[in-house]
Amino acid sequence: MRQLKVEFYVGLFVIAGIAALAYMAVKMGDLNLFEQDNSYQVVGRFTSVSGLKDGASVELSGVKLGKVTSIIYDTERQEAVVTMQVPNTVKLSTDSIASVRTSGIIGDKYIKVTPGGEEDFMQEGDEFEQTESALDIEELISKFVFSTGDDK
């Protein structure tokens, strides 16, 4: 009888451990299995999104609000099309500006949203009218290093 009791508690401990690992995997993977989707998607078109990845944060006033859900290339307009997910509680005016920025000097890329002054708000699927592409530091350094000095 004592052996059965020990096996029961060991089995219970193993099941609890597996459940804890599954919960951590879902949370660390940023999966929303149990949460309702209270957000809308907006789109930005950029000439360059160098270094930006799916899952990158979307920030407003330095606060993470949403995330980048997809980045595709539009072959007709030769632009990167970035789809962003923003919570319904955040109202972005139609003249807001989306910019690709870097955290620190060599940090991760993210989308910075600068609010506008319009009274109309963006809806599901709307596009940012104004965007600012990523600043390519390597290109700037190469221009500086390889400049001839004849540009006076």
C-alpha atoms as a PDB file:
ATOM      1  CA  MET A   1       0.000   0.000   0.000  1.00  0.00           C
ATOM      2  CA  ARG A   2       2.852   2.365   0.850  1.00  0.00           C
ATOM      3  CA  GLN A   3       4.472   1.693  -2.562  1.00  0.00           C
ATOM      4  CA  LEU A   4       1.212   2.634  -4.334  1.00  0.00           C
ATOM      5  CA  LYS A   5       1.043   5.921  -2.409  1.00  0.00           C
ATOM      6  CA  VAL A   6       4.628   6.827  -3.377  1.00  0.00           C
ATOM      7  CA  GLU A   7       3.979   5.990  -7.044  1.00  0.00           C
ATOM      8  CA  PHE A   8       0.828   8.116  -6.985  1.00  0.00           C
ATOM      9  CA  TYR A   9       2.692  11.166  -5.658  1.00  0.00           C
ATOM     10  CA  VAL A  10       5.562  10.692  -8.128  1.00  0.00           C
ATOM     11  CA  GLY A  11       3.077  10.452 -10.996  1.00  0.00           C
ATOM     12  CA  LEU A  12       1.270  13.557  -9.747  1.00  0.00           C
ATOM     13  CA  PHE A  13       4.593  15.423  -9.539  1.00  0.00           C
ATOM     14  CA  VAL A  14       5.523  14.378 -13.097  1.00  0.00           C
ATOM     15  CA  ILE A  15       2.142  15.491 -14.472  1.00  0.00           C
ATOM     16  CA  ALA A  16       2.450  18.852 -12.682  1.00  0.00           C
ATOM     17  CA  GLY A  17       5.971  19.278 -14.115  1.00  0.00           C
ATOM     18  CA  ILE A  18       4.813  18.529 -17.657  1.00  0.00           C
ATOM     19  CA  ALA A  19       1.896  20.951 -17.292  1.00  0.00           C
ATOM     20  CA  ALA A  20       4.281  23.667 -16.013  1.00  0.00           C
ATOM     21  CA  LEU A  21       6.659  23.088 -18.944  1.00  0.00           C
ATOM     22  CA  ALA A  22       3.784  23.246 -21.453  1.00  0.00           C
ATOM     23  CA  TYR A  23       2.535  26.504 -19.913  1.00  0.00           C
ATOM     24  CA  MET A  24       6.041  28.035 -20.039  1.00  0.00           C
ATOM     25  CA  ALA A  25       6.482  26.937 -23.672  1.00  0.00           C
ATOM     26  CA  VAL A  26       3.228  28.651 -24.659  1.00  0.00           C
ATOM     27  CA  LYS A  27       4.105  31.857 -22.774  1.00  0.00           C
ATOM     28  CA  MET A  28       7.720  32.012 -23.969  1.00  0.00           C
ATOM     29  CA  GLY A  29       6.628  31.305 -27.544  1.00  0.00           C
ATOM     30  CA  ASP A  30       4.247  34.271 -27.325  1.00  0.00           C
ATOM     31  CA  LEU A  31       1.310  32.152 -28.439  1.00  0.00           C
ATOM     32  CA  ASN A  32      -2.175  33.419 -27.680  1.00  0.00           C
ATOM     33  CA  LEU A  33      -4.002  30.133 -27.253  1.00  0.00           C
ATOM     34  CA  PHE A  34      -6.300  31.189 -24.439  1.00  0.00           C
ATOM     35  CA  GLU A  35      -6.630  34.908 -25.039  1.00  0.00           C
ATOM     36  CA  GLN A  36      -9.161  36.678 -27.228  1.00  0.00           C
ATOM     37  CA  ASP A  37      -7.756  38.729 -30.058  1.00  0.00           C
ATOM     38  CA  ASN A  38      -8.665  42.312 -29.123  1.00  0.00           C
ATOM     39  CA  SER A  39      -6.519  43.960 -31.755  1.00  0.00           C
ATOM     40  CA  TYR A  40      -6.536  45.283 -35.291  1.00  0.00           C
ATOM     41  CA  GLN A  41      -3.951  45.245 -38.045  1.00  0.00           C
ATOM     42  CA  VAL A  42      -2.460  48.231 -39.825  1.00  0.00           C
ATOM     43  CA  VAL A  43       0.028  48.324 -42.684  1.00  0.00           C
ATOM     44  CA  GLY A  44       3.111  50.408 -43.411  1.00  0.00           C
ATOM     45  CA  ARG A  45       5.089  50.592 -46.662  1.00  0.00           C
ATOM     46  CA  PHE A  46       8.836  51.193 -46.377  1.00  0.00           C
ATOM     47  CA  THR A  47      11.674  51.481 -48.891  1.00  0.00           C
ATOM     48  CA  SER A  48      13.943  49.629 -46.438  1.00  0.00           C
ATOM     49  CA  VAL A  49      13.260  47.555 -43.334  1.00  0.00           C
ATOM     50  CA  SER A  50      16.775  46.193 -43.013  1.00  0.00           C
ATOM     51  CA  GLY A  51      17.052  44.137 -39.818  1.00  0.00           C
ATOM     52  CA  LEU A  52      13.347  44.244 -38.902  1.00  0.00           C
ATOM     53  CA  LYS A  53      11.895  40.812 -38.081  1.00  0.00           C
ATOM     54  CA  ASP A  54       8.489  39.249 -37.539  1.00  0.00           C
ATOM     55  CA  GLY A  55       7.527  39.659 -33.904  1.00  0.00           C
ATOM     56  CA  ALA A  56       9.382  42.964 -33.513  1.00  0.00           C
ATOM     57  CA  SER A  57       7.671  45.393 -31.173  1.00  0.00           C
ATOM     58  CA  VAL A  58       5.517  48.344 -32.178  1.00  0.00           C
ATOM     59  CA  GLU A  59       6.015  51.240 -29.755  1.00  0.00           C
ATOM     60  CA  LEU A  60       4.169  54.478 -29.067  1.00  0.00           C
ATOM     61  CA  SER A  61       5.769  56.983 -26.661  1.00  0.00           C
ATOM     62  CA  GLY A  62       8.353  54.335 -25.733  1.00  0.00           C
ATOM     63  CA  VAL A  63       5.696  51.826 -24.643  1.00  0.00           C
ATOM     64  CA  LYS A  64       5.372  48.467 -26.418  1.00  0.00           C
ATOM     65  CA  LEU A  65       1.860  48.291 -27.806  1.00  0.00           C
ATOM     66  CA  GLY A  66       1.875  45.632 -30.447  1.00  0.00           C
ATOM     67  CA  LYS A  67       4.048  43.603 -32.747  1.00  0.00           C
ATOM     68  CA  VAL A  68       5.000  43.105 -36.369  1.00  0.00           C
ATOM     69  CA  THR A  69       3.036  40.153 -37.738  1.00  0.00           C
ATOM     70  CA  SER A  70       4.424  39.946 -41.273  1.00  0.00           C
ATOM     71  CA  ILE A  71       6.922  41.500 -43.651  1.00  0.00           C
ATOM     72  CA  ILE A  72       6.524  40.938 -47.380  1.00  0.00           C
ATOM     73  CA  TYR A  73       7.981  42.513 -50.511  1.00  0.00           C
ATOM     74  CA  ASP A  74       5.658  44.216 -52.989  1.00  0.00           C
ATOM     75  CA  THR A  75       7.238  43.561 -56.390  1.00  0.00           C
ATOM     76  CA  GLU A  76       5.057  46.097 -58.200  1.00  0.00           C
ATOM     77  CA  ARG A  77       5.868  49.075 -55.978  1.00  0.00           C
ATOM     78  CA  GLN A  78       9.290  47.705 -54.906  1.00  0.00           C
ATOM     79  CA  GLU A  79       8.590  48.314 -51.233  1.00  0.00           C
ATOM     80  CA  ALA A  80       8.521  46.299 -48.055  1.00  0.00           C
ATOM     81  CA  VAL A  81       4.996  45.914 -46.677  1.00  0.00           C
ATOM     82  CA  VAL A  82       4.916  45.554 -42.898  1.00  0.00           C
ATOM     83  CA  THR A  83       1.742  44.400 -41.158  1.00  0.00           C
ATOM     84  CA  MET A  84       1.439  45.403 -37.507  1.00  0.00           C
ATOM     85  CA  GLN A  85      -0.967  44.265 -34.811  1.00  0.00           C
ATOM     86  CA  VAL A  86      -2.177  46.978 -32.409  1.00  0.00           C
ATOM     87  CA  PRO A  87      -4.603  46.584 -29.468  1.00  0.00           C
ATOM     88  CA  ASN A  88      -8.136  47.932 -29.892  1.00  0.00           C
ATOM     89  CA  THR A  89      -7.597  50.135 -26.833  1.00  0.00           C
ATOM     90  CA  VAL A  90      -5.013  52.171 -28.777  1.00  0.00           C
ATOM     91  CA  LYS A  91      -6.445  54.629 -31.279  1.00  0.00           C
ATOM     92  CA  LEU A  92      -3.928  55.742 -33.904  1.00  0.00           C
ATOM     93  CA  SER A  93      -4.857  58.883 -35.800  1.00  0.00           C
ATOM     94  CA  THR A  94      -4.839  58.641 -39.581  1.00  0.00           C
ATOM     95  CA  ASP A  95      -1.847  60.985 -39.868  1.00  0.00           C
ATOM     96  CA  SER A  96       0.398  58.985 -37.501  1.00  0.00           C
ATOM     97  CA  ILE A  97       3.924  58.236 -38.721  1.00  0.00           C
ATOM     98  CA  ALA A  98       5.535  54.769 -38.598  1.00  0.00           C
ATOM     99  CA  SER A  99       9.343  54.655 -38.424  1.00  0.00           C
ATOM    100  CA  VAL A 100      11.811  51.763 -38.345  1.00  0.00           C
ATOM    101  CA  ARG A 101      14.159  52.425 -35.414  1.00  0.00           C
ATOM    102  CA  THR A 102      16.977  50.663 -33.569  1.00  0.00           C
ATOM    103  CA  SER A 103      17.164  49.993 -29.829  1.00  0.00           C
ATOM    104  CA  GLY A 104      20.550  51.399 -28.865  1.00  0.00           C
ATOM    105  CA  ILE A 105      23.502  51.487 -31.246  1.00  0.00           C
ATOM    106  CA  ILE A 106      23.387  47.902 -32.501  1.00  0.00           C
ATOM    107  CA  GLY A 107      20.154  46.699 -30.929  1.00  0.00           C
ATOM    108  CA  ASP A 108      17.037  45.137 -32.370  1.00  0.00           C
ATOM    109  CA  LYS A 109      14.861  46.968 -34.859  1.00  0.00           C
ATOM    110  CA  TYR A 110      11.328  48.006 -33.960  1.00  0.00           C
ATOM    111  CA  ILE A 111       8.525  50.203 -35.299  1.00  0.00           C
ATOM    112  CA  LYS A 112       8.099  53.572 -33.619  1.00  0.00           C
ATOM    113  CA  VAL A 113       4.705  55.188 -34.096  1.00  0.00           C
ATOM    114  CA  THR A 114       4.550  58.967 -33.788  1.00  0.00           C
ATOM    115  CA  PRO A 115       0.977  60.118 -33.150  1.00  0.00           C
ATOM    116  CA  GLY A 116      -0.617  62.677 -35.387  1.00  0.00           C
ATOM    117  CA  GLY A 117      -3.233  65.335 -34.703  1.00  0.00           C
ATOM    118  CA  GLU A 118      -6.157  64.140 -36.819  1.00  0.00           C
ATOM    119  CA  GLU A 119      -9.445  63.322 -35.152  1.00  0.00           C
ATOM    120  CA  ASP A 120     -10.065  60.339 -37.449  1.00  0.00           C
ATOM    121  CA  PHE A 121      -8.591  57.027 -36.340  1.00  0.00           C
ATOM    122  CA  MET A 122      -7.111  54.112 -38.265  1.00  0.00           C
ATOM    123  CA  GLN A 123      -9.250  51.011 -38.742  1.00  0.00           C
ATOM    124  CA  GLU A 124      -8.501  47.375 -39.546  1.00  0.00           C
ATOM    125  CA  GLY A 125      -6.314  47.134 -42.674  1.00  0.00           C
ATOM    126  CA  ASP A 126      -5.583  50.875 -43.002  1.00  0.00           C
ATOM    127  CA  GLU A 127      -2.151  52.051 -44.180  1.00  0.00           C
ATOM    128  CA  PHE A 128       0.119  54.653 -42.646  1.00  0.00           C
ATOM    129  CA  GLU A 129       0.243  57.679 -44.927  1.00  0.00           C
ATOM    130  CA  GLN A 130       3.789  58.544 -43.840  1.00  0.00           C
ATOM    131  CA  THR A 131       6.624  56.143 -43.033  1.00  0.00           C
ATOM    132  CA  GLU A 132      10.345  56.494 -42.354  1.00  0.00           C
ATOM    133  CA  SER A 133      12.626  53.663 -43.438  1.00  0.00           C
ATOM    134  CA  ALA A 134      15.492  52.153 -41.476  1.00  0.00           C
ATOM    135  CA  LEU A 135      18.724  54.108 -41.294  1.00  0.00           C
ATOM    136  CA  ASP A 136      21.517  51.970 -42.743  1.00  0.00           C
ATOM    137  CA  ILE A 137      24.554  52.722 -40.580  1.00  0.00           C
ATOM    138  CA  GLU A 138      26.898  50.603 -42.730  1.00  0.00           C
ATOM    139  CA  GLU A 139      25.965  52.644 -45.809  1.00  0.00           C
ATOM    140  CA  LEU A 140      26.567  55.920 -43.962  1.00  0.00           C
ATOM    141  CA  ILE A 141      29.960  54.747 -42.703  1.00  0.00           C
ATOM    142  CA  SER A 142      31.021  53.602 -46.163  1.00  0.00           C
ATOM    143  CA  LYS A 143      30.016  56.961 -47.651  1.00  0.00           C
ATOM    144  CA  PHE A 144      32.029  58.745 -44.984  1.00  0.00           C
ATOM    145  CA  VAL A 145      35.093  56.501 -45.276  1.00  0.00           C
ATOM    146  CA  PHE A 146      35.187  56.367 -49.058  1.00  0.00           C
ATOM    147  CA  SER A 147      34.326  59.990 -49.742  1.00  0.00           C
ATOM    148  CA  THR A 148      37.016  61.748 -51.787  1.00  0.00           C
ATOM    149  CA  GLY A 149      36.800  65.093 -50.082  1.00  0.00           C
ATOM    150  CA  ASP A 150      36.066  66.796 -53.427  1.00  0.00           C
ATOM    151  CA  ASP A 151      32.508  67.605 -52.318  1.00  0.00           C
ATOM    152  CA  LYS A 152      33.368  71.134 -51.179  1.00  0.00           C
END
